[in-house]
N, C-alpha and C. Protein backbone atom coordinates (compact mmCIF):
# COMPACT_ATOMS: atom_id res chain seq x y z
N MET A 1 119.16 98.08 91.06
CA MET A 1 120.49 97.81 90.53
C MET A 1 120.42 97.25 89.11
N ALA A 2 119.40 96.41 88.83
CA ALA A 2 119.26 95.85 87.50
C ALA A 2 119.03 96.94 86.47
N GLU A 3 118.17 97.93 86.82
CA GLU A 3 117.90 99.03 85.90
C GLU A 3 119.15 99.87 85.70
N ALA A 4 119.92 100.11 86.76
CA ALA A 4 121.14 100.90 86.65
C ALA A 4 122.15 100.20 85.74
N SER A 5 122.25 98.86 85.88
CA SER A 5 123.16 98.10 85.05
C SER A 5 122.75 98.16 83.59
N ARG A 6 121.44 98.01 83.32
CA ARG A 6 120.94 98.09 81.95
C ARG A 6 121.22 99.47 81.36
N PHE A 7 121.01 100.50 82.17
CA PHE A 7 121.24 101.87 81.72
C PHE A 7 122.70 102.06 81.35
N ALA A 8 123.61 101.59 82.21
CA ALA A 8 125.04 101.76 81.95
C ALA A 8 125.46 101.06 80.66
N LYS A 9 124.91 99.87 80.44
CA LYS A 9 125.27 99.13 79.23
C LYS A 9 124.76 99.81 77.97
N SER A 10 123.69 100.60 78.11
CA SER A 10 123.10 101.25 76.93
C SER A 10 123.91 102.45 76.47
N LEU A 11 124.82 102.94 77.28
CA LEU A 11 125.58 104.14 76.94
C LEU A 11 126.85 103.75 76.21
N ARG A 12 126.86 103.99 74.89
CA ARG A 12 127.92 103.45 74.05
C ARG A 12 128.95 104.49 73.62
N SER A 13 128.81 105.73 74.09
CA SER A 13 129.76 106.76 73.68
C SER A 13 129.84 107.82 74.77
N PRO A 14 130.93 108.62 74.79
CA PRO A 14 131.02 109.72 75.76
C PRO A 14 129.85 110.67 75.67
N PHE A 15 129.37 110.92 74.43
CA PHE A 15 128.21 111.81 74.26
C PHE A 15 127.00 111.28 75.00
N GLN A 16 126.75 109.97 74.88
CA GLN A 16 125.60 109.39 75.56
C GLN A 16 125.76 109.47 77.08
N TRP A 17 126.99 109.30 77.57
CA TRP A 17 127.22 109.43 79.01
C TRP A 17 126.90 110.86 79.46
N ILE A 18 127.33 111.83 78.68
CA ILE A 18 127.07 113.23 79.03
C ILE A 18 125.58 113.51 79.02
N MET A 19 124.88 113.05 77.97
CA MET A 19 123.45 113.30 77.87
C MET A 19 122.69 112.60 78.98
N ALA A 20 123.13 111.40 79.33
CA ALA A 20 122.48 110.68 80.43
C ALA A 20 122.62 111.45 81.73
N GLY A 21 123.82 112.02 81.94
CA GLY A 21 124.03 112.83 83.14
C GLY A 21 123.12 114.03 83.18
N LEU A 22 122.93 114.67 82.01
CA LEU A 22 122.04 115.83 81.95
C LEU A 22 120.60 115.45 82.22
N ILE A 23 120.18 114.29 81.70
CA ILE A 23 118.82 113.81 81.95
C ILE A 23 118.61 113.57 83.44
N LEU A 24 119.57 112.88 84.07
CA LEU A 24 119.43 112.59 85.49
C LEU A 24 119.47 113.87 86.32
N LEU A 25 120.31 114.84 85.91
CA LEU A 25 120.38 116.11 86.62
C LEU A 25 119.05 116.85 86.54
N SER A 26 118.45 116.85 85.34
CA SER A 26 117.17 117.55 85.19
C SER A 26 116.09 116.88 86.00
N LEU A 27 116.16 115.54 86.13
CA LEU A 27 115.18 114.85 86.96
C LEU A 27 115.33 115.25 88.42
N VAL A 28 116.58 115.38 88.88
CA VAL A 28 116.81 115.82 90.26
C VAL A 28 116.26 117.23 90.47
N ILE A 29 116.48 118.10 89.48
CA ILE A 29 115.99 119.48 89.58
C ILE A 29 114.47 119.50 89.67
N ILE A 30 113.82 118.67 88.84
CA ILE A 30 112.36 118.59 88.87
C ILE A 30 111.87 118.13 90.23
N MET A 31 112.57 117.15 90.81
CA MET A 31 112.13 116.59 92.09
C MET A 31 112.42 117.53 93.25
N VAL A 32 113.57 118.21 93.19
CA VAL A 32 113.98 119.06 94.31
C VAL A 32 113.39 120.46 94.20
N GLY A 33 113.15 120.90 92.96
CA GLY A 33 112.66 122.25 92.73
C GLY A 33 111.51 122.67 93.62
N PRO A 34 110.46 121.82 93.79
CA PRO A 34 109.33 122.24 94.60
C PRO A 34 109.68 122.51 96.06
N MET A 35 110.84 121.99 96.52
CA MET A 35 111.20 122.17 97.92
C MET A 35 111.90 123.51 98.17
N ILE A 36 112.37 124.14 97.09
CA ILE A 36 113.13 125.37 97.24
C ILE A 36 112.19 126.56 97.35
N GLY A 37 112.40 127.39 98.34
CA GLY A 37 111.58 128.58 98.49
C GLY A 37 110.32 128.37 99.31
N GLY A 38 110.07 127.12 99.72
CA GLY A 38 108.96 126.87 100.62
C GLY A 38 107.61 126.71 99.96
N ARG A 39 107.50 127.01 98.66
CA ARG A 39 106.22 126.87 97.96
C ARG A 39 106.39 125.97 96.75
N PRO A 40 105.46 125.05 96.52
CA PRO A 40 105.58 124.17 95.36
C PRO A 40 105.40 124.94 94.07
N HIS A 41 106.18 124.60 93.07
CA HIS A 41 106.04 125.23 91.76
C HIS A 41 104.98 124.48 90.98
N PRO A 42 104.03 125.15 90.36
CA PRO A 42 102.97 124.45 89.65
C PRO A 42 103.51 123.57 88.54
N HIS A 43 102.94 122.37 88.42
CA HIS A 43 103.24 121.43 87.36
C HIS A 43 104.65 120.86 87.46
N SER A 44 105.27 120.95 88.64
CA SER A 44 106.61 120.42 88.80
C SER A 44 106.58 118.97 89.22
N SER A 45 105.48 118.54 89.85
CA SER A 45 105.42 117.18 90.36
C SER A 45 103.97 116.83 90.64
N PRO A 46 103.56 115.60 90.34
CA PRO A 46 104.35 114.48 89.83
C PRO A 46 104.35 114.35 88.31
N ALA A 47 103.60 115.18 87.60
CA ALA A 47 103.47 115.02 86.15
C ALA A 47 104.82 115.11 85.43
N LEU A 48 105.63 116.12 85.76
CA LEU A 48 106.92 116.26 85.09
C LEU A 48 107.89 115.16 85.51
N GLN A 49 107.79 114.70 86.74
CA GLN A 49 108.64 113.59 87.18
C GLN A 49 108.34 112.34 86.36
N ALA A 50 107.05 112.06 86.17
CA ALA A 50 106.66 110.90 85.37
C ALA A 50 107.11 111.06 83.93
N THR A 51 106.93 112.26 83.38
CA THR A 51 107.34 112.53 82.00
C THR A 51 108.83 112.30 81.82
N GLN A 52 109.63 112.80 82.75
CA GLN A 52 111.08 112.63 82.65
C GLN A 52 111.48 111.17 82.82
N ALA A 53 110.87 110.47 83.76
CA ALA A 53 111.23 109.07 84.00
C ALA A 53 110.90 108.20 82.78
N ILE A 54 109.76 108.44 82.15
CA ILE A 54 109.39 107.67 80.96
C ILE A 54 110.33 108.02 79.80
N ASN A 55 110.66 109.29 79.67
CA ASN A 55 111.59 109.72 78.63
C ASN A 55 112.95 109.04 78.79
N LEU A 56 113.42 108.95 80.02
CA LEU A 56 114.69 108.28 80.27
C LEU A 56 114.61 106.81 79.90
N ALA A 57 113.48 106.16 80.22
CA ALA A 57 113.30 104.75 79.86
C ALA A 57 113.29 104.57 78.34
N MET A 58 112.67 105.50 77.62
CA MET A 58 112.65 105.43 76.16
C MET A 58 114.07 105.54 75.61
N TYR A 59 114.86 106.45 76.18
CA TYR A 59 116.24 106.64 75.76
C TYR A 59 117.07 105.38 76.02
N MET A 60 116.88 104.79 77.19
CA MET A 60 117.60 103.56 77.52
C MET A 60 117.24 102.45 76.54
N TYR A 61 115.97 102.33 76.22
CA TYR A 61 115.51 101.32 75.27
C TYR A 61 116.20 101.51 73.92
N ALA A 62 116.24 102.75 73.43
CA ALA A 62 116.87 103.03 72.14
C ALA A 62 118.34 102.65 72.15
N GLY A 63 119.03 102.91 73.25
CA GLY A 63 120.43 102.56 73.35
C GLY A 63 120.68 101.07 73.24
N ASP A 64 119.68 100.26 73.61
CA ASP A 64 119.80 98.80 73.56
C ASP A 64 119.20 98.21 72.29
N HIS A 65 118.57 99.03 71.45
CA HIS A 65 117.86 98.51 70.28
C HIS A 65 118.26 99.27 69.00
N ASN A 66 119.55 99.31 68.75
CA ASN A 66 120.07 99.91 67.52
C ASN A 66 119.59 101.35 67.31
N ASN A 67 119.53 102.10 68.40
CA ASN A 67 119.19 103.53 68.38
C ASN A 67 117.72 103.81 68.05
N ALA A 68 116.88 102.78 68.00
CA ALA A 68 115.47 102.95 67.66
C ALA A 68 114.59 102.96 68.90
N TYR A 69 113.74 103.95 69.01
CA TYR A 69 112.78 104.00 70.11
C TYR A 69 111.70 102.95 69.89
N PRO A 70 111.02 102.51 70.95
CA PRO A 70 109.98 101.48 70.78
C PRO A 70 108.83 101.97 69.93
N ILE A 71 108.22 101.06 69.18
CA ILE A 71 107.08 101.38 68.35
C ILE A 71 105.92 100.44 68.69
N GLY A 72 104.76 100.77 68.21
CA GLY A 72 103.58 99.95 68.44
C GLY A 72 102.39 100.58 67.75
N LYS A 73 101.23 99.98 67.94
CA LYS A 73 100.01 100.51 67.34
C LYS A 73 99.39 101.62 68.18
N SER A 74 99.88 101.79 69.40
CA SER A 74 99.36 102.81 70.31
C SER A 74 100.44 103.14 71.32
N SER A 75 100.26 104.23 72.05
CA SER A 75 101.24 104.53 73.11
C SER A 75 101.17 103.47 74.20
N THR A 76 100.00 102.86 74.38
CA THR A 76 99.86 101.78 75.35
C THR A 76 100.80 100.62 74.99
N GLU A 77 100.82 100.24 73.71
CA GLU A 77 101.70 99.16 73.27
C GLU A 77 103.17 99.56 73.40
N VAL A 78 103.48 100.80 73.08
CA VAL A 78 104.85 101.28 73.21
C VAL A 78 105.32 101.18 74.66
N PHE A 79 104.50 101.66 75.57
CA PHE A 79 104.88 101.65 76.99
C PHE A 79 104.91 100.24 77.55
N GLN A 80 104.07 99.35 77.01
CA GLN A 80 104.09 97.96 77.49
C GLN A 80 105.44 97.32 77.22
N LYS A 81 106.09 97.70 76.12
CA LYS A 81 107.43 97.18 75.82
C LYS A 81 108.43 97.62 76.89
N LEU A 82 108.28 98.86 77.36
CA LEU A 82 109.17 99.33 78.43
C LEU A 82 108.98 98.53 79.71
N VAL A 83 107.75 98.15 79.98
CA VAL A 83 107.44 97.35 81.16
C VAL A 83 107.95 95.93 80.99
N ASP A 84 107.64 95.31 79.84
CA ASP A 84 108.01 93.91 79.61
C ASP A 84 109.52 93.71 79.62
N GLU A 85 110.27 94.72 79.13
CA GLU A 85 111.73 94.58 79.08
C GLU A 85 112.41 95.25 80.27
N GLU A 86 111.61 95.59 81.27
CA GLU A 86 112.08 96.05 82.58
C GLU A 86 112.82 97.37 82.55
N TYR A 87 112.43 98.24 81.63
CA TYR A 87 112.94 99.61 81.65
C TYR A 87 112.10 100.47 82.60
N ILE A 88 110.89 100.02 82.88
CA ILE A 88 109.99 100.67 83.84
C ILE A 88 109.60 99.64 84.89
N ALA A 89 109.84 99.96 86.15
CA ALA A 89 109.52 99.02 87.23
C ALA A 89 108.11 99.23 87.77
N ASP A 90 107.66 100.47 87.83
CA ASP A 90 106.34 100.78 88.39
C ASP A 90 105.37 101.10 87.27
N ILE A 91 104.48 100.17 86.95
CA ILE A 91 103.59 100.34 85.81
C ILE A 91 102.58 101.46 86.02
N THR A 92 102.37 101.88 87.25
CA THR A 92 101.40 102.95 87.52
C THR A 92 101.92 104.32 87.13
N ILE A 93 103.18 104.41 86.70
CA ILE A 93 103.77 105.70 86.35
C ILE A 93 103.07 106.34 85.15
N PHE A 94 102.41 105.54 84.34
CA PHE A 94 101.77 106.07 83.13
C PHE A 94 100.43 106.75 83.42
N TYR A 95 99.97 106.62 84.65
CA TYR A 95 98.76 107.33 85.08
C TYR A 95 99.17 108.45 86.01
N VAL A 96 98.75 109.67 85.69
CA VAL A 96 99.07 110.83 86.53
C VAL A 96 97.76 111.55 86.86
N GLU A 97 97.36 111.45 88.10
CA GLU A 97 96.09 112.05 88.52
C GLU A 97 96.07 113.55 88.28
N GLU A 98 97.22 114.19 88.45
CA GLU A 98 97.34 115.64 88.29
C GLU A 98 96.90 116.12 86.90
N LEU A 99 97.05 115.26 85.88
CA LEU A 99 96.69 115.66 84.53
C LEU A 99 95.18 115.67 84.31
N LYS A 100 94.46 114.98 85.16
CA LYS A 100 92.99 114.97 85.12
C LYS A 100 92.44 114.63 83.73
N VAL A 101 92.96 113.53 83.17
CA VAL A 101 92.45 113.05 81.88
C VAL A 101 91.21 112.20 82.14
N PRO A 102 90.09 112.51 81.51
CA PRO A 102 88.85 111.77 81.76
C PRO A 102 88.99 110.28 81.47
N GLY A 103 88.44 109.45 82.34
CA GLY A 103 88.38 108.02 82.11
C GLY A 103 89.64 107.24 82.42
N LYS A 104 90.63 107.87 83.04
CA LYS A 104 91.89 107.20 83.31
C LYS A 104 91.97 106.71 84.75
N THR A 105 92.57 105.53 84.93
CA THR A 105 92.77 104.94 86.25
C THR A 105 94.14 104.27 86.30
N LYS A 106 94.63 104.01 87.51
CA LYS A 106 95.91 103.33 87.67
C LYS A 106 95.81 101.88 87.21
N ALA A 107 96.91 101.38 86.66
CA ALA A 107 96.99 99.97 86.28
C ALA A 107 97.01 99.11 87.55
N THR A 108 96.37 97.97 87.48
CA THR A 108 96.32 97.06 88.63
C THR A 108 96.99 95.73 88.33
N SER A 109 97.62 95.62 87.16
CA SER A 109 98.35 94.41 86.80
C SER A 109 99.57 94.83 85.99
N LYS A 110 100.30 93.85 85.48
CA LYS A 110 101.47 94.14 84.66
C LYS A 110 101.12 94.35 83.19
N VAL A 111 99.83 94.36 82.89
CA VAL A 111 99.37 94.57 81.52
C VAL A 111 98.65 95.91 81.45
N LEU A 112 99.19 96.82 80.65
CA LEU A 112 98.60 98.14 80.50
C LEU A 112 97.36 98.09 79.61
N LYS A 113 96.39 98.91 79.97
CA LYS A 113 95.22 99.13 79.14
C LYS A 113 95.18 100.62 78.80
N PRO A 114 94.49 101.00 77.72
CA PRO A 114 94.44 102.42 77.35
C PRO A 114 93.99 103.32 78.50
N GLU A 115 93.09 102.83 79.33
CA GLU A 115 92.60 103.66 80.43
C GLU A 115 93.64 103.87 81.53
N ASN A 116 94.79 103.17 81.42
CA ASN A 116 95.86 103.32 82.40
C ASN A 116 96.94 104.30 81.96
N VAL A 117 96.78 104.88 80.75
CA VAL A 117 97.86 105.67 80.15
C VAL A 117 97.41 107.10 79.90
N CYS A 118 98.20 108.07 80.37
CA CYS A 118 97.90 109.50 80.22
C CYS A 118 98.85 110.21 79.26
N PHE A 119 99.60 109.43 78.45
CA PHE A 119 100.60 110.04 77.57
C PHE A 119 100.47 109.52 76.14
N ASP A 120 100.79 110.41 75.19
CA ASP A 120 100.94 110.06 73.78
C ASP A 120 102.43 109.98 73.46
N VAL A 121 102.77 109.38 72.32
CA VAL A 121 104.15 109.32 71.85
C VAL A 121 104.22 109.70 70.38
N THR A 122 105.41 110.09 69.95
CA THR A 122 105.68 110.35 68.55
C THR A 122 106.45 109.18 67.97
N VAL A 123 106.05 108.70 66.77
CA VAL A 123 106.78 107.65 66.07
C VAL A 123 106.92 108.05 64.61
N PRO A 124 107.98 107.57 63.93
CA PRO A 124 109.12 106.83 64.49
C PRO A 124 110.18 107.79 65.00
N LEU A 125 110.94 107.34 65.98
CA LEU A 125 112.01 108.14 66.54
C LEU A 125 113.27 107.29 66.69
N GLY A 126 114.42 107.93 66.58
CA GLY A 126 115.69 107.29 66.86
C GLY A 126 116.58 108.27 67.60
N LEU A 127 117.73 107.81 68.03
CA LEU A 127 118.62 108.70 68.78
C LEU A 127 119.12 109.85 67.93
N ASN A 128 119.01 109.74 66.59
CA ASN A 128 119.47 110.80 65.70
C ASN A 128 118.34 111.69 65.19
N SER A 129 117.15 111.55 65.74
CA SER A 129 116.01 112.37 65.32
C SER A 129 116.20 113.82 65.73
N SER A 130 115.39 114.69 65.16
CA SER A 130 115.47 116.12 65.47
C SER A 130 115.26 116.37 66.96
N ASP A 131 116.08 117.25 67.52
CA ASP A 131 115.94 117.62 68.93
C ASP A 131 114.61 118.28 69.23
N PHE A 132 113.94 118.81 68.22
CA PHE A 132 112.72 119.58 68.44
C PHE A 132 111.46 118.73 68.44
N LEU A 133 111.61 117.42 68.28
CA LEU A 133 110.44 116.55 68.28
C LEU A 133 110.04 116.18 69.69
N PRO A 134 108.74 116.19 70.00
CA PRO A 134 108.29 115.71 71.30
C PRO A 134 108.31 114.19 71.33
N VAL A 135 108.92 113.61 72.34
CA VAL A 135 108.98 112.15 72.48
C VAL A 135 107.69 111.65 73.12
N ILE A 136 107.38 112.16 74.30
CA ILE A 136 106.12 111.84 74.97
C ILE A 136 105.50 113.13 75.49
N PHE A 137 104.17 113.12 75.61
CA PHE A 137 103.48 114.33 76.05
C PHE A 137 102.08 113.97 76.53
N SER A 138 101.49 114.85 77.32
CA SER A 138 100.16 114.62 77.85
C SER A 138 99.18 114.32 76.74
N THR A 139 98.33 113.31 76.92
CA THR A 139 97.33 112.98 75.91
C THR A 139 96.20 114.01 75.94
N GLY A 140 95.42 114.03 74.87
CA GLY A 140 94.29 114.95 74.81
C GLY A 140 94.49 116.13 73.88
N TYR A 141 95.57 116.10 73.07
CA TYR A 141 95.87 117.19 72.15
C TYR A 141 96.20 116.61 70.77
N ARG A 142 95.94 117.38 69.73
CA ARG A 142 96.36 117.03 68.37
C ARG A 142 97.59 117.86 68.02
N ILE A 143 98.67 117.16 67.64
CA ILE A 143 99.94 117.82 67.37
C ILE A 143 100.11 118.05 65.87
N ASP A 144 100.52 119.25 65.53
CA ASP A 144 100.84 119.61 64.14
C ASP A 144 102.35 119.53 63.99
N TYR A 145 102.83 118.48 63.31
CA TYR A 145 104.27 118.26 63.19
C TYR A 145 104.88 119.09 62.06
N THR A 146 104.76 120.39 62.19
CA THR A 146 105.36 121.33 61.25
C THR A 146 106.10 122.40 62.05
N PRO A 147 107.06 123.11 61.45
CA PRO A 147 107.76 124.17 62.18
C PRO A 147 106.77 125.17 62.77
N GLY A 148 106.86 125.40 64.06
CA GLY A 148 105.94 126.30 64.74
C GLY A 148 104.57 125.71 64.98
N GLY A 149 104.43 124.39 64.80
CA GLY A 149 103.14 123.72 64.94
C GLY A 149 102.57 123.79 66.34
N SER A 150 101.25 123.82 66.42
CA SER A 150 100.55 123.94 67.70
C SER A 150 100.06 122.58 68.20
N ALA A 151 99.65 122.56 69.46
CA ALA A 151 98.96 121.43 70.06
C ALA A 151 97.55 121.90 70.40
N VAL A 152 96.56 121.30 69.75
CA VAL A 152 95.17 121.73 69.90
C VAL A 152 94.41 120.74 70.76
N PRO A 153 93.75 121.20 71.82
CA PRO A 153 93.02 120.28 72.70
C PRO A 153 91.90 119.56 71.97
N LEU A 154 91.71 118.29 72.31
CA LEU A 154 90.68 117.47 71.68
C LEU A 154 89.37 117.50 72.46
N PHE A 155 89.42 117.98 73.69
CA PHE A 155 88.21 118.07 74.49
C PHE A 155 88.37 119.21 75.49
N LYS A 156 87.26 119.68 76.00
CA LYS A 156 87.29 120.77 76.95
C LYS A 156 87.92 120.31 78.25
N ALA A 157 88.84 121.11 78.75
CA ALA A 157 89.54 120.74 79.99
C ALA A 157 88.57 120.72 81.16
N SER A 158 88.76 119.73 82.03
CA SER A 158 87.94 119.65 83.24
C SER A 158 88.44 120.64 84.27
N GLU A 159 87.61 120.94 85.24
CA GLU A 159 87.97 121.91 86.27
C GLU A 159 89.19 121.43 87.06
N GLY A 160 90.16 122.30 87.20
CA GLY A 160 91.37 121.96 87.96
C GLY A 160 92.47 121.31 87.14
N SER A 161 92.20 121.03 85.86
CA SER A 161 93.23 120.39 85.03
C SER A 161 94.24 121.45 84.59
N PRO A 162 95.50 121.04 84.34
CA PRO A 162 96.52 122.02 83.93
C PRO A 162 96.23 122.60 82.56
N SER A 163 96.50 123.89 82.40
CA SER A 163 96.24 124.57 81.12
C SER A 163 97.47 124.50 80.24
N GLY A 164 97.79 123.31 79.77
CA GLY A 164 98.95 123.10 78.95
C GLY A 164 99.37 121.65 78.94
N ILE A 165 100.58 121.39 78.46
CA ILE A 165 101.05 120.02 78.24
C ILE A 165 102.39 119.79 78.93
N CYS A 166 102.51 118.64 79.59
CA CYS A 166 103.82 118.16 80.04
C CYS A 166 104.44 117.42 78.86
N VAL A 167 105.67 117.77 78.52
CA VAL A 167 106.29 117.19 77.33
C VAL A 167 107.78 116.97 77.55
N ALA A 168 108.28 115.87 76.97
CA ALA A 168 109.71 115.61 76.91
C ALA A 168 110.11 115.66 75.44
N TYR A 169 111.02 116.57 75.12
CA TYR A 169 111.50 116.70 73.74
C TYR A 169 112.72 115.79 73.52
N HIS A 170 113.08 115.64 72.24
CA HIS A 170 114.16 114.74 71.91
C HIS A 170 115.52 115.27 72.35
N ASP A 171 115.60 116.55 72.69
CA ASP A 171 116.86 117.09 73.23
C ASP A 171 116.99 116.82 74.72
N TYR A 172 116.06 115.99 75.26
CA TYR A 172 116.05 115.57 76.67
C TYR A 172 115.53 116.63 77.62
N SER A 173 115.05 117.75 77.08
CA SER A 173 114.42 118.74 77.95
C SER A 173 113.01 118.30 78.28
N VAL A 174 112.59 118.59 79.48
CA VAL A 174 111.23 118.27 79.95
C VAL A 174 110.64 119.54 80.52
N ARG A 175 109.44 119.87 80.09
CA ARG A 175 108.85 121.13 80.53
C ARG A 175 107.33 121.08 80.50
N PHE A 176 106.73 122.09 81.10
CA PHE A 176 105.29 122.28 81.00
C PHE A 176 105.06 123.41 80.02
N GLN A 177 104.47 123.07 78.86
CA GLN A 177 104.19 124.06 77.83
C GLN A 177 102.80 124.65 78.10
N LYS A 178 102.79 125.86 78.56
CA LYS A 178 101.54 126.48 78.98
C LYS A 178 100.76 127.03 77.80
N SER A 179 99.43 126.90 77.88
CA SER A 179 98.55 127.47 76.87
C SER A 179 98.26 128.92 77.20
N THR A 180 98.30 129.77 76.15
CA THR A 180 97.94 131.18 76.33
C THR A 180 96.71 131.54 75.51
N GLU A 181 96.08 130.52 74.89
CA GLU A 181 94.91 130.75 74.05
C GLU A 181 93.63 130.40 74.81
N PRO A 182 92.54 131.11 74.52
CA PRO A 182 91.27 130.86 75.21
C PRO A 182 90.77 129.42 75.08
N ASP A 183 91.04 128.79 73.93
CA ASP A 183 90.54 127.42 73.73
C ASP A 183 91.50 126.36 74.24
N GLY A 184 92.60 126.78 74.86
CA GLY A 184 93.56 125.83 75.42
C GLY A 184 94.67 125.41 74.48
N THR A 185 94.70 125.96 73.26
CA THR A 185 95.75 125.61 72.31
C THR A 185 97.13 126.05 72.82
N VAL A 186 98.11 125.18 72.63
CA VAL A 186 99.50 125.50 72.97
C VAL A 186 100.21 125.85 71.67
N THR A 187 100.53 127.13 71.48
CA THR A 187 101.18 127.57 70.25
C THR A 187 102.68 127.28 70.30
N ASN A 188 103.27 127.12 69.12
CA ASN A 188 104.70 126.82 69.00
C ASN A 188 105.12 125.61 69.82
N PHE A 189 104.23 124.62 69.87
CA PHE A 189 104.57 123.38 70.57
C PHE A 189 105.73 122.69 69.86
N ILE A 190 105.73 122.76 68.53
CA ILE A 190 106.88 122.32 67.75
C ILE A 190 107.69 123.58 67.42
N PRO A 191 108.94 123.68 67.89
CA PRO A 191 109.72 124.90 67.66
C PRO A 191 109.84 125.25 66.18
N SER A 192 109.95 126.54 65.90
CA SER A 192 110.02 127.02 64.52
C SER A 192 111.28 126.55 63.80
N ASP A 193 112.31 126.14 64.55
CA ASP A 193 113.54 125.65 63.94
C ASP A 193 113.45 124.20 63.49
N PHE A 194 112.33 123.55 63.77
CA PHE A 194 112.18 122.14 63.40
C PHE A 194 112.22 121.95 61.89
N ASN A 195 113.01 120.97 61.44
CA ASN A 195 113.11 120.63 60.02
C ASN A 195 112.72 119.16 59.87
N PRO A 196 111.54 118.86 59.32
CA PRO A 196 111.13 117.46 59.19
C PRO A 196 111.97 116.65 58.22
N ALA A 197 112.72 117.32 57.36
CA ALA A 197 113.62 116.65 56.41
C ALA A 197 112.89 115.58 55.59
N GLY A 198 111.66 115.88 55.23
CA GLY A 198 110.90 114.96 54.40
C GLY A 198 110.28 113.79 55.13
N LYS A 199 110.49 113.69 56.44
CA LYS A 199 109.94 112.57 57.21
C LYS A 199 108.54 112.91 57.73
N LYS A 200 107.71 111.89 57.82
CA LYS A 200 106.38 112.05 58.37
C LYS A 200 106.33 111.38 59.75
N TYR A 201 105.78 112.12 60.69
CA TYR A 201 105.69 111.62 62.05
C TYR A 201 104.24 111.40 62.43
N GLN A 202 104.02 110.42 63.29
CA GLN A 202 102.67 110.05 63.69
C GLN A 202 102.52 110.16 65.19
N GLN A 203 101.37 110.62 65.61
CA GLN A 203 101.04 110.73 67.02
C GLN A 203 100.24 109.51 67.44
N LEU A 204 100.76 108.78 68.43
CA LEU A 204 100.06 107.62 68.95
C LEU A 204 99.43 107.95 70.29
N THR A 205 98.13 107.79 70.39
CA THR A 205 97.42 107.98 71.65
C THR A 205 97.35 106.60 72.36
N PRO A 206 96.86 106.56 73.59
CA PRO A 206 96.70 105.26 74.26
C PRO A 206 95.80 104.29 73.51
N ASP A 207 94.88 104.83 72.67
CA ASP A 207 93.96 103.98 71.92
C ASP A 207 94.42 103.68 70.51
N GLY A 208 95.46 104.36 70.03
CA GLY A 208 95.94 104.12 68.68
C GLY A 208 96.30 105.42 67.99
N PRO A 209 96.57 105.38 66.69
CA PRO A 209 96.91 106.61 65.95
C PRO A 209 95.76 107.60 65.99
N LEU A 210 96.11 108.87 66.10
CA LEU A 210 95.07 109.90 66.10
C LEU A 210 94.54 110.06 64.67
N PRO A 211 93.24 109.88 64.46
CA PRO A 211 92.69 110.01 63.10
C PRO A 211 92.92 111.40 62.53
N PRO A 212 93.03 111.51 61.19
CA PRO A 212 93.24 112.82 60.56
C PRO A 212 92.10 113.77 60.88
């Protein structure tokens, strides 16, 4: 109830109420989708559920902080703010076994460590940022923040790991962007319609900014 109350207070306009409804609807679709047709849809759960839930928490945070998404020196620090300010109740949500990121484990306390986090974030972001920007996404890729930019894997995928990225974009869509390249690169990860408008964006991994 506390989270629901905080969420309601963060919605300051009819547009935000509509967008919040769409976010919640998409989360329901992600959760219910695997039950339809009797066979689970690949990459529908739990990775996309976690991605959507974290994205919603980021949106709620921005609504309470002058439209600015949380920032930090790493995605770990960014997500810790969501935990400390009670936008996220279950700290283990940042670890997703399905993603099979090497060296990652579930958090065992209320303090996140890099090894507890399987997601990167884009900074800086606000509620008025381009819809084509990825807010959070599976770690292990280098993002090219240009129109039509790709996501290039930083290490060879382990056996059984998904061939692509779970991502939440700023338009509140959440999807699994599949790789069609032999090396695992995800092409057009940043849509070709993206206009950076002179702004520079940075990718924060659980350990800090991704070096050039």
